[in-house]
Structure formats: structure tokens, C-alpha cells
């Protein structure tokens, strides 16, 4: 899914002009996409200490751990054309 900024909105425009959201279900595939620069960020559920250590060992990445039971979602109102 690609979300693009609507520059005609009266409030200040967001800094990002375009956001592409991709679903990559497998954690190893997601991590590989980060390592090769295919994606810029990802939610990754790291199940083992080895996976966490692997990502933290790369100085190009900033790892933030959050313990949560929340469900993440993106809800778009597509009923009205901008």
C-alpha cells in the first residue's frame, strides 16, 4: 500500500511525501530486507537473544524494544476523496 501526502490540506504538511507499507510475514526475510537496504524500518518480533544481538551488532540500526500487548493498525478513511 502506498500513502501519499496531500499538499492541499490546510495544516502543515507531514515531512514524508510518500510512505510505502509492505507486508513481509517472515522475520528472517524482514531482517534481510533491512540489512540490504530494501526497507527503511520494520516492526520485528525477535524471538531469541541471538536475533536481538545480531541486529544490535550492526551500527546502522537503532533497536528499540517495547513490551506490549497492543495491536498495531493503520486505518484510512477512503470514503471521501481529498
N, C-alpha and C. Protein backbone atom coordinates (compact mmCIF):
# COMPACT_ATOMS: atom_id res chain seq x y z
N UNK A 1 0.84 -1.15 0.00
CA UNK A 1 0.00 0.00 0.00
C UNK A 1 0.90 1.23 0.00
N UNK A 2 0.54 2.21 -0.79
CA UNK A 2 1.30 3.45 -0.85
C UNK A 2 0.39 4.60 -0.40
N UNK A 3 0.91 5.39 0.54
CA UNK A 3 0.18 6.56 1.04
C UNK A 3 0.98 7.78 0.62
N UNK A 4 0.31 8.73 -0.03
CA UNK A 4 1.00 9.95 -0.46
C UNK A 4 0.41 11.16 0.27
N UNK A 5 1.27 12.12 0.49
CA UNK A 5 0.87 13.34 1.18
C UNK A 5 -0.07 14.16 0.30
N UNK A 6 -1.09 14.73 0.89
CA UNK A 6 -2.00 15.63 0.20
C UNK A 6 -1.57 17.05 0.56
N UNK A 7 -0.93 17.73 -0.39
CA UNK A 7 -0.37 19.04 -0.12
C UNK A 7 -1.41 20.15 0.02
N UNK A 8 -2.67 19.87 -0.34
CA UNK A 8 -3.71 20.88 -0.22
C UNK A 8 -4.36 20.93 1.15
N UNK A 9 -3.93 20.08 2.06
CA UNK A 9 -4.50 20.06 3.40
C UNK A 9 -4.11 21.35 4.13
N UNK A 10 -5.03 21.98 4.89
CA UNK A 10 -4.75 23.29 5.48
C UNK A 10 -3.68 23.28 6.58
N UNK A 11 -3.51 22.18 7.30
CA UNK A 11 -2.48 22.13 8.35
C UNK A 11 -1.10 21.95 7.71
N UNK A 12 -0.05 22.13 8.50
CA UNK A 12 1.29 21.90 7.94
C UNK A 12 1.41 20.48 7.40
N UNK A 13 2.05 20.37 6.25
CA UNK A 13 2.20 19.07 5.60
C UNK A 13 3.19 18.20 6.36
N UNK A 14 2.95 16.89 6.40
CA UNK A 14 3.93 15.99 7.00
C UNK A 14 5.23 16.03 6.22
N UNK A 15 6.34 15.68 6.88
CA UNK A 15 7.64 15.71 6.21
C UNK A 15 7.74 14.67 5.11
N UNK A 16 7.13 13.51 5.29
CA UNK A 16 7.21 12.45 4.29
C UNK A 16 6.19 12.70 3.18
N UNK A 17 6.66 12.68 1.95
CA UNK A 17 5.76 12.87 0.82
C UNK A 17 5.08 11.56 0.42
N UNK A 18 5.73 10.44 0.75
CA UNK A 18 5.22 9.14 0.32
C UNK A 18 5.68 8.08 1.32
N UNK A 19 4.77 7.20 1.68
CA UNK A 19 5.10 6.07 2.55
C UNK A 19 4.58 4.80 1.87
N UNK A 20 5.46 3.85 1.70
CA UNK A 20 5.06 2.55 1.14
C UNK A 20 5.06 1.53 2.27
N UNK A 21 3.92 0.87 2.46
CA UNK A 21 3.79 -0.14 3.50
C UNK A 21 3.77 -1.50 2.82
N UNK A 22 4.72 -2.34 3.22
CA UNK A 22 4.80 -3.69 2.66
C UNK A 22 4.63 -4.70 3.78
N UNK A 23 3.95 -5.77 3.49
CA UNK A 23 3.79 -6.84 4.46
C UNK A 23 4.80 -7.92 4.13
N UNK A 24 5.72 -8.14 5.05
CA UNK A 24 6.72 -9.20 4.90
C UNK A 24 6.52 -10.11 6.11
N UNK A 25 5.82 -11.23 5.95
CA UNK A 25 5.42 -12.02 7.09
C UNK A 25 6.55 -12.71 7.86
N UNK A 26 7.58 -13.14 7.20
CA UNK A 26 8.62 -13.92 7.89
C UNK A 26 9.70 -13.00 8.47
N UNK A 27 10.01 -13.19 9.75
CA UNK A 27 11.02 -12.37 10.43
C UNK A 27 12.37 -12.42 9.74
N UNK A 28 12.90 -13.59 9.35
CA UNK A 28 14.20 -13.60 8.68
C UNK A 28 14.21 -12.80 7.37
N UNK A 29 13.11 -12.85 6.65
CA UNK A 29 13.01 -12.09 5.39
C UNK A 29 12.99 -10.59 5.68
N UNK A 30 12.26 -10.19 6.73
CA UNK A 30 12.21 -8.79 7.13
C UNK A 30 13.59 -8.28 7.54
N UNK A 31 14.30 -9.09 8.34
CA UNK A 31 15.64 -8.70 8.77
C UNK A 31 16.58 -8.58 7.58
N UNK A 32 16.48 -9.51 6.64
CA UNK A 32 17.32 -9.44 5.44
C UNK A 32 17.01 -8.19 4.63
N UNK A 33 15.74 -7.83 4.51
CA UNK A 33 15.37 -6.62 3.78
C UNK A 33 15.96 -5.38 4.44
N UNK A 34 16.02 -5.36 5.77
CA UNK A 34 16.66 -4.25 6.47
C UNK A 34 18.16 -4.22 6.19
N UNK A 35 18.80 -5.38 6.28
CA UNK A 35 20.25 -5.46 6.09
C UNK A 35 20.69 -5.00 4.70
N UNK A 36 19.91 -5.33 3.67
CA UNK A 36 20.32 -4.96 2.31
C UNK A 36 19.80 -3.59 1.88
N UNK A 37 19.05 -2.92 2.76
CA UNK A 37 18.57 -1.57 2.45
C UNK A 37 17.31 -1.53 1.61
N UNK A 38 16.63 -2.66 1.50
CA UNK A 38 15.39 -2.72 0.71
C UNK A 38 14.25 -1.97 1.39
N UNK A 39 14.28 -1.94 2.74
CA UNK A 39 13.28 -1.21 3.51
C UNK A 39 13.99 -0.33 4.53
N UNK A 40 13.31 0.70 4.99
CA UNK A 40 13.94 1.64 5.90
C UNK A 40 13.68 1.37 7.37
N UNK A 41 12.63 0.66 7.72
CA UNK A 41 12.32 0.33 9.10
C UNK A 41 11.35 -0.83 9.10
N UNK A 42 11.22 -1.48 10.24
CA UNK A 42 10.30 -2.62 10.35
C UNK A 42 9.94 -2.88 11.79
N UNK A 43 8.72 -3.36 11.99
CA UNK A 43 8.36 -3.95 13.26
C UNK A 43 8.83 -5.38 13.20
N UNK A 44 9.67 -5.77 14.11
CA UNK A 44 10.21 -7.13 14.09
C UNK A 44 10.05 -7.74 15.47
N UNK A 45 9.41 -8.88 15.52
CA UNK A 45 9.31 -9.63 16.77
C UNK A 45 10.49 -10.58 16.82
N UNK A 46 11.48 -10.23 17.61
CA UNK A 46 12.66 -11.06 17.73
C UNK A 46 12.44 -12.05 18.87
N UNK A 47 12.46 -13.32 18.53
CA UNK A 47 12.12 -14.36 19.49
C UNK A 47 13.30 -14.86 20.30
N UNK A 48 14.51 -14.60 19.85
CA UNK A 48 15.65 -15.15 20.57
C UNK A 48 16.68 -14.07 20.86
N UNK A 49 17.48 -14.30 21.87
CA UNK A 49 18.56 -13.37 22.21
C UNK A 49 19.55 -13.25 21.07
N UNK A 50 19.75 -14.33 20.32
CA UNK A 50 20.68 -14.31 19.19
C UNK A 50 20.21 -13.35 18.11
N UNK A 51 18.91 -13.35 17.83
CA UNK A 51 18.37 -12.43 16.82
C UNK A 51 18.54 -10.98 17.26
N UNK A 52 18.27 -10.71 18.53
CA UNK A 52 18.42 -9.36 19.04
C UNK A 52 19.88 -8.92 18.97
N UNK A 53 20.80 -9.80 19.37
CA UNK A 53 22.23 -9.49 19.32
C UNK A 53 22.70 -9.24 17.90
N UNK A 54 22.17 -10.01 16.96
CA UNK A 54 22.56 -9.84 15.55
C UNK A 54 22.19 -8.45 15.03
N UNK A 55 20.98 -8.02 15.34
CA UNK A 55 20.54 -6.70 14.87
C UNK A 55 21.29 -5.59 15.59
N UNK A 56 21.47 -5.73 16.89
CA UNK A 56 22.19 -4.70 17.66
C UNK A 56 23.65 -4.58 17.26
N UNK A 57 24.24 -5.65 16.73
CA UNK A 57 25.65 -5.60 16.36
C UNK A 57 25.91 -4.74 15.14
N UNK A 58 24.87 -4.41 14.40
CA UNK A 58 25.02 -3.58 13.21
C UNK A 58 24.84 -2.11 13.60
N UNK A 59 25.88 -1.28 13.48
CA UNK A 59 25.78 0.12 13.90
C UNK A 59 24.81 0.95 13.05
N UNK A 60 24.38 0.41 11.92
CA UNK A 60 23.44 1.14 11.06
C UNK A 60 22.02 1.11 11.61
N UNK A 61 21.77 0.24 12.58
CA UNK A 61 20.42 0.08 13.11
C UNK A 61 20.30 0.62 14.52
N UNK A 62 19.15 1.16 14.82
CA UNK A 62 18.80 1.53 16.18
C UNK A 62 17.67 0.60 16.60
N UNK A 63 17.87 -0.13 17.66
CA UNK A 63 16.89 -1.10 18.13
C UNK A 63 16.16 -0.52 19.33
N UNK A 64 14.85 -0.54 19.27
CA UNK A 64 14.02 -0.12 20.38
C UNK A 64 13.11 -1.28 20.74
N UNK A 65 13.16 -1.71 21.98
CA UNK A 65 12.32 -2.80 22.42
C UNK A 65 11.16 -2.25 23.24
N UNK A 66 9.98 -2.74 22.93
CA UNK A 66 8.77 -2.32 23.63
C UNK A 66 7.98 -3.58 23.97
N UNK A 67 7.67 -3.75 25.22
CA UNK A 67 6.81 -4.86 25.63
C UNK A 67 5.37 -4.35 25.58
N UNK A 68 4.57 -5.00 24.78
CA UNK A 68 3.20 -4.54 24.61
C UNK A 68 2.28 -5.69 24.22
N UNK A 69 1.04 -5.53 24.53
CA UNK A 69 0.03 -6.47 24.05
C UNK A 69 -0.91 -5.75 23.08
N UNK A 70 -0.48 -4.59 22.63
CA UNK A 70 -1.29 -3.79 21.72
C UNK A 70 -1.31 -4.37 20.32
N UNK A 71 -2.34 -4.05 19.60
CA UNK A 71 -2.45 -4.43 18.20
C UNK A 71 -2.21 -3.17 17.40
N UNK A 72 -1.27 -3.23 16.46
CA UNK A 72 -0.97 -2.06 15.64
C UNK A 72 -1.85 -2.10 14.39
N UNK A 73 -2.27 -0.94 13.94
CA UNK A 73 -3.09 -0.88 12.74
C UNK A 73 -3.02 0.48 12.10
N UNK A 74 -3.37 0.53 10.85
CA UNK A 74 -3.44 1.77 10.10
C UNK A 74 -4.84 1.84 9.52
N UNK A 75 -5.57 2.85 9.91
CA UNK A 75 -6.95 2.99 9.45
C UNK A 75 -7.06 4.23 8.57
N UNK A 76 -7.52 4.03 7.36
CA UNK A 76 -7.64 5.13 6.41
C UNK A 76 -9.11 5.35 6.10
N UNK A 77 -9.52 6.61 6.06
CA UNK A 77 -10.88 6.96 5.68
C UNK A 77 -10.88 7.15 4.17
N UNK A 78 -11.36 6.14 3.45
CA UNK A 78 -11.35 6.21 1.98
C UNK A 78 -12.73 6.58 1.42
N UNK A 79 -13.61 6.99 2.31
CA UNK A 79 -14.96 7.36 1.86
C UNK A 79 -14.99 8.71 1.17
N UNK A 80 -14.04 9.59 1.50
CA UNK A 80 -14.04 10.94 0.97
C UNK A 80 -12.77 11.16 0.18
N UNK A 81 -12.91 11.63 -1.04
CA UNK A 81 -11.76 11.95 -1.87
C UNK A 81 -11.15 13.26 -1.39
N UNK A 82 -9.81 13.32 -1.27
CA UNK A 82 -9.19 14.58 -0.81
C UNK A 82 -9.46 15.73 -1.77
